[in-house]
N, C-alpha and C. Protein backbone atom coordinates (compact mmCIF):
# COMPACT_ATOMS: atom_id res chain seq x y z
N MET A 1 216.67 -55.35 -13.74
CA MET A 1 216.75 -54.26 -14.69
C MET A 1 216.75 -54.84 -16.10
N ALA A 2 216.08 -54.19 -17.01
CA ALA A 2 215.98 -54.63 -18.40
C ALA A 2 217.27 -54.32 -19.16
N ASN A 3 217.53 -55.11 -20.18
CA ASN A 3 218.68 -54.90 -21.05
C ASN A 3 218.24 -54.18 -22.32
N LEU A 4 219.17 -53.46 -22.95
CA LEU A 4 218.87 -52.76 -24.19
C LEU A 4 220.07 -52.86 -25.11
N ASN A 5 219.84 -53.27 -26.34
CA ASN A 5 220.89 -53.35 -27.35
C ASN A 5 220.33 -52.70 -28.61
N ARG A 6 220.55 -51.41 -28.77
CA ARG A 6 220.02 -50.65 -29.90
C ARG A 6 221.10 -49.69 -30.38
N VAL A 7 221.29 -49.62 -31.69
CA VAL A 7 222.32 -48.77 -32.28
C VAL A 7 221.69 -47.92 -33.37
N PHE A 8 222.01 -46.63 -33.39
CA PHE A 8 221.62 -45.72 -34.46
C PHE A 8 222.90 -45.06 -34.96
N LEU A 9 223.21 -45.23 -36.24
CA LEU A 9 224.43 -44.68 -36.82
C LEU A 9 224.12 -43.94 -38.11
N ILE A 10 224.79 -42.82 -38.33
CA ILE A 10 224.72 -42.13 -39.61
C ILE A 10 226.16 -41.98 -40.08
N GLY A 11 226.42 -42.47 -41.29
CA GLY A 11 227.77 -42.41 -41.83
C GLY A 11 227.79 -42.72 -43.31
N ASN A 12 229.00 -42.80 -43.84
CA ASN A 12 229.20 -43.06 -45.28
C ASN A 12 229.73 -44.47 -45.50
N LEU A 13 229.24 -45.11 -46.56
CA LEU A 13 229.73 -46.44 -46.91
C LEU A 13 231.20 -46.38 -47.30
N THR A 14 231.98 -47.31 -46.78
CA THR A 14 233.41 -47.37 -47.13
C THR A 14 233.66 -48.24 -48.36
N ARG A 15 232.63 -48.99 -48.77
CA ARG A 15 232.73 -49.83 -49.96
C ARG A 15 231.32 -50.16 -50.43
N ASP A 16 231.20 -50.61 -51.68
CA ASP A 16 229.91 -51.04 -52.18
C ASP A 16 229.44 -52.25 -51.37
N PRO A 17 228.12 -52.39 -51.15
CA PRO A 17 227.62 -53.56 -50.43
C PRO A 17 227.94 -54.85 -51.18
N GLU A 18 228.24 -55.89 -50.42
CA GLU A 18 228.48 -57.21 -50.97
C GLU A 18 227.28 -58.07 -50.64
N LEU A 19 226.65 -58.67 -51.65
CA LEU A 19 225.44 -59.47 -51.46
C LEU A 19 225.76 -60.94 -51.64
N ARG A 20 225.27 -61.76 -50.72
CA ARG A 20 225.41 -63.22 -50.78
C ARG A 20 224.06 -63.85 -50.46
N TYR A 21 223.96 -65.12 -50.78
CA TYR A 21 222.77 -65.88 -50.44
C TYR A 21 223.21 -67.10 -49.64
N ILE A 22 222.61 -67.32 -48.47
CA ILE A 22 222.95 -68.49 -47.66
C ILE A 22 222.23 -69.70 -48.27
N PRO A 23 222.59 -70.92 -47.86
CA PRO A 23 221.99 -72.12 -48.46
C PRO A 23 220.47 -72.15 -48.47
N SER A 24 219.83 -71.54 -47.49
CA SER A 24 218.35 -71.52 -47.47
C SER A 24 217.78 -70.57 -48.51
N GLY A 25 218.66 -69.77 -49.15
CA GLY A 25 218.21 -68.82 -50.17
C GLY A 25 218.02 -67.41 -49.65
N ALA A 26 218.20 -67.19 -48.36
CA ALA A 26 218.02 -65.85 -47.78
C ALA A 26 219.17 -64.93 -48.20
N PRO A 27 218.85 -63.72 -48.66
CA PRO A 27 219.90 -62.76 -49.02
C PRO A 27 220.49 -62.08 -47.79
N VAL A 28 221.81 -61.84 -47.84
CA VAL A 28 222.49 -61.11 -46.77
C VAL A 28 223.54 -60.21 -47.42
N ALA A 29 223.55 -58.95 -47.02
CA ALA A 29 224.51 -57.98 -47.56
C ALA A 29 225.35 -57.45 -46.41
N SER A 30 226.58 -57.10 -46.73
CA SER A 30 227.45 -56.48 -45.74
C SER A 30 228.16 -55.30 -46.38
N PHE A 31 228.44 -54.31 -45.55
CA PHE A 31 229.20 -53.15 -46.00
C PHE A 31 229.85 -52.49 -44.81
N GLY A 32 230.86 -51.69 -45.08
CA GLY A 32 231.53 -50.93 -44.05
C GLY A 32 230.92 -49.55 -43.96
N LEU A 33 230.90 -49.00 -42.75
CA LEU A 33 230.36 -47.67 -42.51
C LEU A 33 231.40 -46.85 -41.76
N ALA A 34 231.66 -45.63 -42.22
CA ALA A 34 232.59 -44.72 -41.55
C ALA A 34 231.78 -43.60 -40.92
N ILE A 35 231.96 -43.43 -39.61
CA ILE A 35 231.26 -42.39 -38.87
C ILE A 35 232.30 -41.37 -38.42
N ASN A 36 232.21 -40.15 -38.94
CA ASN A 36 233.17 -39.09 -38.64
C ASN A 36 232.67 -38.24 -37.48
N THR A 37 233.58 -37.91 -36.56
CA THR A 37 233.25 -37.08 -35.41
C THR A 37 234.34 -36.03 -35.23
N THR A 38 233.94 -34.79 -34.99
CA THR A 38 234.89 -33.72 -34.69
C THR A 38 234.88 -33.48 -33.20
N ILE A 39 236.06 -33.52 -32.59
CA ILE A 39 236.18 -33.35 -31.15
C ILE A 39 237.01 -32.10 -30.88
N GLY A 40 236.50 -31.24 -30.01
CA GLY A 40 237.23 -30.03 -29.64
C GLY A 40 238.36 -30.37 -28.68
N ARG A 41 239.47 -29.71 -28.82
CA ARG A 41 240.61 -29.89 -27.93
C ARG A 41 240.77 -28.65 -27.06
N PRO A 42 241.45 -28.79 -25.93
CA PRO A 42 241.69 -27.62 -25.07
C PRO A 42 242.45 -26.51 -25.80
N SER A 43 243.27 -26.90 -26.79
CA SER A 43 244.05 -25.90 -27.53
C SER A 43 243.16 -25.13 -28.51
N GLY A 44 241.90 -25.57 -28.67
CA GLY A 44 240.99 -24.90 -29.58
C GLY A 44 241.01 -25.47 -30.98
N GLU A 45 241.96 -26.31 -31.26
CA GLU A 45 242.08 -26.92 -32.58
C GLU A 45 241.25 -28.21 -32.62
N PRO A 46 240.31 -28.35 -33.58
CA PRO A 46 239.47 -29.54 -33.63
C PRO A 46 240.25 -30.78 -34.08
N LYS A 47 239.80 -31.92 -33.62
CA LYS A 47 240.41 -33.19 -34.00
C LYS A 47 239.34 -34.06 -34.63
N GLU A 48 239.66 -34.65 -35.78
CA GLU A 48 238.73 -35.55 -36.48
C GLU A 48 238.99 -36.98 -36.04
N GLU A 49 237.93 -37.69 -35.70
CA GLU A 49 238.00 -39.11 -35.38
C GLU A 49 237.07 -39.85 -36.31
N VAL A 50 237.49 -41.03 -36.75
CA VAL A 50 236.66 -41.85 -37.62
C VAL A 50 236.49 -43.22 -36.97
N CYS A 51 235.26 -43.68 -36.91
CA CYS A 51 234.95 -45.00 -36.39
C CYS A 51 234.45 -45.85 -37.56
N PHE A 52 235.08 -46.99 -37.78
CA PHE A 52 234.68 -47.89 -38.87
C PHE A 52 233.90 -49.05 -38.29
N VAL A 53 232.72 -49.33 -38.87
CA VAL A 53 231.82 -50.34 -38.37
C VAL A 53 231.37 -51.24 -39.52
N ARG A 54 231.34 -52.54 -39.26
CA ARG A 54 230.81 -53.49 -40.24
C ARG A 54 229.30 -53.62 -39.99
N VAL A 55 228.52 -53.55 -41.08
CA VAL A 55 227.07 -53.64 -41.00
C VAL A 55 226.61 -54.84 -41.82
N VAL A 56 225.68 -55.63 -41.27
CA VAL A 56 225.12 -56.78 -41.96
C VAL A 56 223.61 -56.57 -42.04
N VAL A 57 223.06 -56.76 -43.24
CA VAL A 57 221.63 -56.55 -43.50
C VAL A 57 221.07 -57.83 -44.11
N TRP A 58 219.89 -58.25 -43.67
CA TRP A 58 219.27 -59.49 -44.15
C TRP A 58 217.98 -59.20 -44.91
N GLY A 59 217.56 -60.15 -45.72
CA GLY A 59 216.27 -60.12 -46.39
C GLY A 59 216.21 -59.15 -47.56
N LYS A 60 214.99 -58.66 -47.81
CA LYS A 60 214.74 -57.76 -48.93
C LYS A 60 215.60 -56.49 -48.84
N GLN A 61 215.82 -56.01 -47.62
CA GLN A 61 216.66 -54.82 -47.45
C GLN A 61 218.07 -55.05 -47.97
N ALA A 62 218.58 -56.28 -47.82
CA ALA A 62 219.93 -56.60 -48.32
C ALA A 62 219.99 -56.42 -49.83
N GLU A 63 218.97 -56.89 -50.52
CA GLU A 63 218.93 -56.75 -51.98
C GLU A 63 218.79 -55.28 -52.39
N SER A 64 218.00 -54.52 -51.65
CA SER A 64 217.85 -53.08 -51.95
C SER A 64 219.15 -52.33 -51.70
N CYS A 65 219.87 -52.69 -50.65
CA CYS A 65 221.16 -52.04 -50.38
C CYS A 65 222.13 -52.32 -51.52
N LYS A 66 222.19 -53.56 -51.97
CA LYS A 66 223.09 -53.90 -53.07
C LYS A 66 222.72 -53.14 -54.34
N GLN A 67 221.43 -53.00 -54.59
CA GLN A 67 220.96 -52.36 -55.83
C GLN A 67 221.17 -50.85 -55.82
N TYR A 68 220.96 -50.19 -54.68
CA TYR A 68 220.92 -48.74 -54.67
C TYR A 68 222.08 -48.03 -53.97
N LEU A 69 222.86 -48.74 -53.16
CA LEU A 69 223.92 -48.07 -52.42
C LEU A 69 225.28 -48.28 -53.07
N THR A 70 226.13 -47.27 -52.98
CA THR A 70 227.50 -47.34 -53.48
C THR A 70 228.43 -46.69 -52.46
N LYS A 71 229.71 -46.95 -52.63
CA LYS A 71 230.73 -46.39 -51.75
C LYS A 71 230.56 -44.87 -51.65
N GLY A 72 230.64 -44.36 -50.42
CA GLY A 72 230.53 -42.93 -50.19
C GLY A 72 229.13 -42.46 -49.85
N ARG A 73 228.13 -43.27 -50.10
CA ARG A 73 226.73 -42.89 -49.87
C ARG A 73 226.43 -42.74 -48.38
N LEU A 74 225.69 -41.70 -48.03
CA LEU A 74 225.30 -41.44 -46.65
C LEU A 74 224.05 -42.26 -46.31
N VAL A 75 224.09 -42.99 -45.18
CA VAL A 75 222.96 -43.79 -44.74
C VAL A 75 222.77 -43.67 -43.24
N CYS A 76 221.57 -43.97 -42.80
CA CYS A 76 221.26 -44.10 -41.39
C CYS A 76 220.95 -45.58 -41.15
N VAL A 77 221.63 -46.18 -40.18
CA VAL A 77 221.45 -47.59 -39.86
C VAL A 77 220.88 -47.70 -38.46
N GLU A 78 219.82 -48.48 -38.33
CA GLU A 78 219.24 -48.78 -37.02
C GLU A 78 219.33 -50.28 -36.84
N GLY A 79 219.87 -50.71 -35.71
CA GLY A 79 220.01 -52.15 -35.49
C GLY A 79 220.51 -52.45 -34.10
N ARG A 80 221.27 -53.57 -34.00
CA ARG A 80 221.79 -53.99 -32.71
C ARG A 80 223.19 -54.55 -32.88
N LEU A 81 223.97 -54.49 -31.81
CA LEU A 81 225.32 -55.02 -31.83
C LEU A 81 225.29 -56.53 -31.71
N ILE A 82 226.13 -57.18 -32.49
CA ILE A 82 226.26 -58.63 -32.45
C ILE A 82 227.74 -58.96 -32.29
N TYR A 83 228.06 -59.81 -31.33
CA TYR A 83 229.43 -60.30 -31.15
C TYR A 83 229.45 -61.75 -31.57
N ARG A 84 230.36 -62.09 -32.47
CA ARG A 84 230.47 -63.47 -32.94
C ARG A 84 231.92 -63.91 -32.88
N SER A 85 232.13 -65.21 -32.63
CA SER A 85 233.47 -65.78 -32.68
C SER A 85 233.40 -67.12 -33.39
N TRP A 86 234.52 -67.52 -34.01
CA TRP A 86 234.61 -68.77 -34.75
C TRP A 86 236.06 -69.20 -34.83
N GLU A 87 236.27 -70.46 -35.19
CA GLU A 87 237.62 -71.01 -35.35
C GLU A 87 238.01 -70.92 -36.82
N GLN A 88 239.23 -70.46 -37.06
CA GLN A 88 239.76 -70.38 -38.43
C GLN A 88 241.25 -70.68 -38.38
N GLU A 89 241.65 -71.70 -39.08
CA GLU A 89 243.06 -72.10 -39.13
C GLU A 89 243.65 -72.27 -37.74
N GLY A 90 242.89 -72.88 -36.85
CA GLY A 90 243.36 -73.14 -35.50
C GLY A 90 243.33 -71.96 -34.56
N LYS A 91 242.90 -70.80 -35.03
CA LYS A 91 242.83 -69.61 -34.18
C LYS A 91 241.38 -69.20 -33.97
N THR A 92 241.11 -68.66 -32.80
CA THR A 92 239.77 -68.13 -32.53
C THR A 92 239.71 -66.70 -33.05
N ARG A 93 238.77 -66.45 -33.92
CA ARG A 93 238.54 -65.11 -34.46
C ARG A 93 237.24 -64.58 -33.88
N SER A 94 237.11 -63.26 -33.84
CA SER A 94 235.87 -62.66 -33.34
C SER A 94 235.63 -61.32 -34.03
N THR A 95 234.39 -60.89 -33.98
CA THR A 95 234.04 -59.60 -34.56
C THR A 95 232.84 -59.01 -33.82
N LEU A 96 232.78 -57.71 -33.82
CA LEU A 96 231.63 -56.98 -33.29
C LEU A 96 231.07 -56.20 -34.47
N GLU A 97 229.81 -56.42 -34.80
CA GLU A 97 229.20 -55.79 -35.97
C GLU A 97 227.80 -55.33 -35.63
N VAL A 98 227.21 -54.58 -36.54
CA VAL A 98 225.83 -54.12 -36.38
C VAL A 98 224.95 -54.96 -37.29
N ARG A 99 223.95 -55.60 -36.72
CA ARG A 99 222.93 -56.31 -37.49
C ARG A 99 221.81 -55.31 -37.71
N ALA A 100 221.66 -54.83 -38.94
CA ALA A 100 220.72 -53.75 -39.25
C ALA A 100 219.29 -54.27 -39.32
N ASP A 101 218.39 -53.58 -38.65
CA ASP A 101 216.96 -53.83 -38.79
C ASP A 101 216.37 -52.91 -39.85
N ARG A 102 217.02 -51.73 -40.01
CA ARG A 102 216.54 -50.76 -40.98
C ARG A 102 217.73 -49.96 -41.51
N VAL A 103 217.74 -49.76 -42.83
CA VAL A 103 218.76 -48.91 -43.47
C VAL A 103 218.01 -47.85 -44.25
N GLN A 104 218.25 -46.58 -43.89
CA GLN A 104 217.59 -45.47 -44.57
C GLN A 104 218.62 -44.76 -45.44
N PHE A 105 218.31 -44.61 -46.72
CA PHE A 105 219.21 -43.93 -47.65
C PHE A 105 219.06 -42.43 -47.46
N LEU A 106 220.16 -41.72 -47.27
CA LEU A 106 220.14 -40.29 -47.03
C LEU A 106 220.88 -39.55 -48.14
N GLY A 107 220.66 -38.26 -48.21
CA GLY A 107 221.45 -37.41 -49.11
C GLY A 107 221.08 -37.47 -50.57
N GLY A 108 219.96 -38.02 -50.94
CA GLY A 108 219.55 -38.06 -52.34
C GLY A 108 220.34 -39.07 -53.14
N ALA A 109 219.95 -39.21 -54.40
CA ALA A 109 220.61 -40.18 -55.29
C ALA A 109 222.04 -39.75 -55.57
N PRO A 110 222.94 -40.71 -55.76
CA PRO A 110 224.31 -40.35 -56.08
C PRO A 110 224.40 -39.64 -57.43
N ARG A 111 225.40 -38.78 -57.58
CA ARG A 111 225.56 -38.00 -58.82
C ARG A 111 225.84 -38.86 -60.02
N ARG A 112 226.63 -39.90 -59.84
CA ARG A 112 226.99 -40.75 -60.97
C ARG A 112 225.98 -41.91 -61.07
N ALA A 113 224.75 -41.56 -61.41
CA ALA A 113 223.70 -42.56 -61.52
C ALA A 113 224.01 -43.51 -62.67
N GLU A 114 223.84 -44.80 -62.39
CA GLU A 114 224.09 -45.80 -63.42
C GLU A 114 222.84 -45.97 -64.27
N ALA A 115 223.05 -46.25 -65.55
CA ALA A 115 221.93 -46.49 -66.46
C ALA A 115 221.17 -47.73 -66.01
N GLY A 116 219.87 -47.66 -66.09
CA GLY A 116 219.04 -48.81 -65.75
C GLY A 116 218.62 -48.89 -64.30
N ARG A 117 219.11 -48.01 -63.46
CA ARG A 117 218.68 -48.04 -62.06
C ARG A 117 217.32 -47.37 -61.94
N GLU A 118 216.50 -47.94 -61.08
CA GLU A 118 215.16 -47.40 -60.86
C GLU A 118 215.21 -46.36 -59.75
N ALA A 119 214.08 -45.68 -59.54
CA ALA A 119 213.99 -44.73 -58.43
C ALA A 119 214.15 -45.49 -57.12
N GLU A 120 214.68 -44.83 -56.11
CA GLU A 120 214.93 -45.49 -54.84
C GLU A 120 213.64 -45.82 -54.13
N PRO A 121 213.56 -47.04 -53.58
CA PRO A 121 212.37 -47.42 -52.82
C PRO A 121 212.51 -46.98 -51.37
N ALA A 122 211.40 -46.95 -50.67
CA ALA A 122 211.46 -46.75 -49.23
C ALA A 122 211.80 -48.09 -48.63
N VAL A 123 212.90 -48.18 -47.92
CA VAL A 123 213.34 -49.46 -47.35
C VAL A 123 212.99 -49.43 -45.88
N ASP A 124 211.93 -50.12 -45.51
CA ASP A 124 211.47 -50.14 -44.14
C ASP A 124 210.81 -51.48 -43.87
N ASP A 125 211.59 -52.55 -43.97
CA ASP A 125 211.08 -53.89 -43.76
C ASP A 125 211.02 -54.21 -42.28
N ALA A 126 210.26 -55.24 -41.96
CA ALA A 126 210.23 -55.75 -40.60
C ALA A 126 211.56 -56.45 -40.33
N PRO A 127 211.88 -56.70 -39.07
CA PRO A 127 213.12 -57.40 -38.77
C PRO A 127 213.20 -58.71 -39.55
N VAL A 128 214.41 -59.08 -39.91
CA VAL A 128 214.61 -60.23 -40.77
C VAL A 128 215.09 -61.43 -39.98
N GLU A 129 215.11 -62.58 -40.64
CA GLU A 129 215.49 -63.83 -39.98
C GLU A 129 216.93 -63.80 -39.50
N GLU A 130 217.21 -64.61 -38.51
CA GLU A 130 218.56 -64.72 -37.97
C GLU A 130 219.43 -65.51 -38.94
N PRO A 131 220.74 -65.27 -38.93
CA PRO A 131 221.63 -65.94 -39.86
C PRO A 131 221.86 -67.40 -39.53
N VAL A 132 222.25 -68.14 -40.54
CA VAL A 132 222.67 -69.51 -40.38
C VAL A 132 224.19 -69.51 -40.46
N LYS A 133 224.86 -70.05 -39.46
CA LYS A 133 226.31 -70.02 -39.42
C LYS A 133 226.87 -71.02 -40.42
N GLU A 134 227.69 -70.56 -41.33
CA GLU A 134 228.32 -71.39 -42.34
C GLU A 134 229.83 -71.33 -42.16
N GLY A 135 230.57 -72.02 -43.00
CA GLY A 135 232.02 -71.99 -42.96
C GLY A 135 232.55 -70.60 -43.22
N ALA A 136 233.70 -70.28 -42.70
CA ALA A 136 234.25 -68.94 -42.82
C ALA A 136 235.14 -68.81 -44.04
N ALA A 137 235.00 -67.67 -44.73
CA ALA A 137 235.93 -67.33 -45.79
C ALA A 137 237.18 -66.77 -45.12
N GLU A 138 238.30 -66.78 -45.82
CA GLU A 138 239.55 -66.32 -45.23
C GLU A 138 239.45 -64.85 -44.84
N ASP A 139 239.86 -64.53 -43.62
CA ASP A 139 239.87 -63.18 -43.07
C ASP A 139 238.51 -62.51 -43.03
N GLU A 140 237.44 -63.25 -43.09
CA GLU A 140 236.11 -62.67 -43.01
C GLU A 140 235.24 -63.58 -42.17
N PRO A 141 234.46 -63.02 -41.25
CA PRO A 141 233.60 -63.86 -40.42
C PRO A 141 232.53 -64.56 -41.24
N PRO A 142 232.09 -65.72 -40.84
CA PRO A 142 231.06 -66.44 -41.58
C PRO A 142 229.70 -65.79 -41.40
N PHE A 143 228.82 -66.01 -42.31
CA PHE A 143 227.45 -65.49 -42.20
C PHE A 143 226.66 -66.56 -41.55
C-alpha cells in the first residue's frame, strides 16, 4: 500500500514570520498557525478548539511570507508533516511541524498596510530544497 503525507490547513498567523538564512544562503521562514474549530456538544452548546501548528517555508516563498504576512493574517498552507529530534543540553528534543510547499494569502491585504509595501504577489513556487541541519537555538528546533 502507498503512503501519503499531505496537509492542508487554513488558519491565522500567531506571530509575524521569522526569516533566516542557512549557511548555503537559502532563505527559511517560520511562523505559528492557529486553526479554530467549533465542535457541537450534546448539550447544544458549541465548544471552540484551537490547534497551534508550527509552519516552515523555504526558498522564495519564505521571503514573500516575511514581506507580506503579519500576525493575524489568514493563510492556506499546503505541505507535509515533518518530525524532527535533536540533542540540546543533554536532553532529546523533538517537534512535529508542517513543511510548506505552498502558502496562499487569504482575506485580502491587512488593514494596517505599511508604507512601502508592494502589491501582493501570487506565491506558487515549486517545492523547495530540503533543510540543512544546524546547531539549535535555545528552546527552538534547528533548521
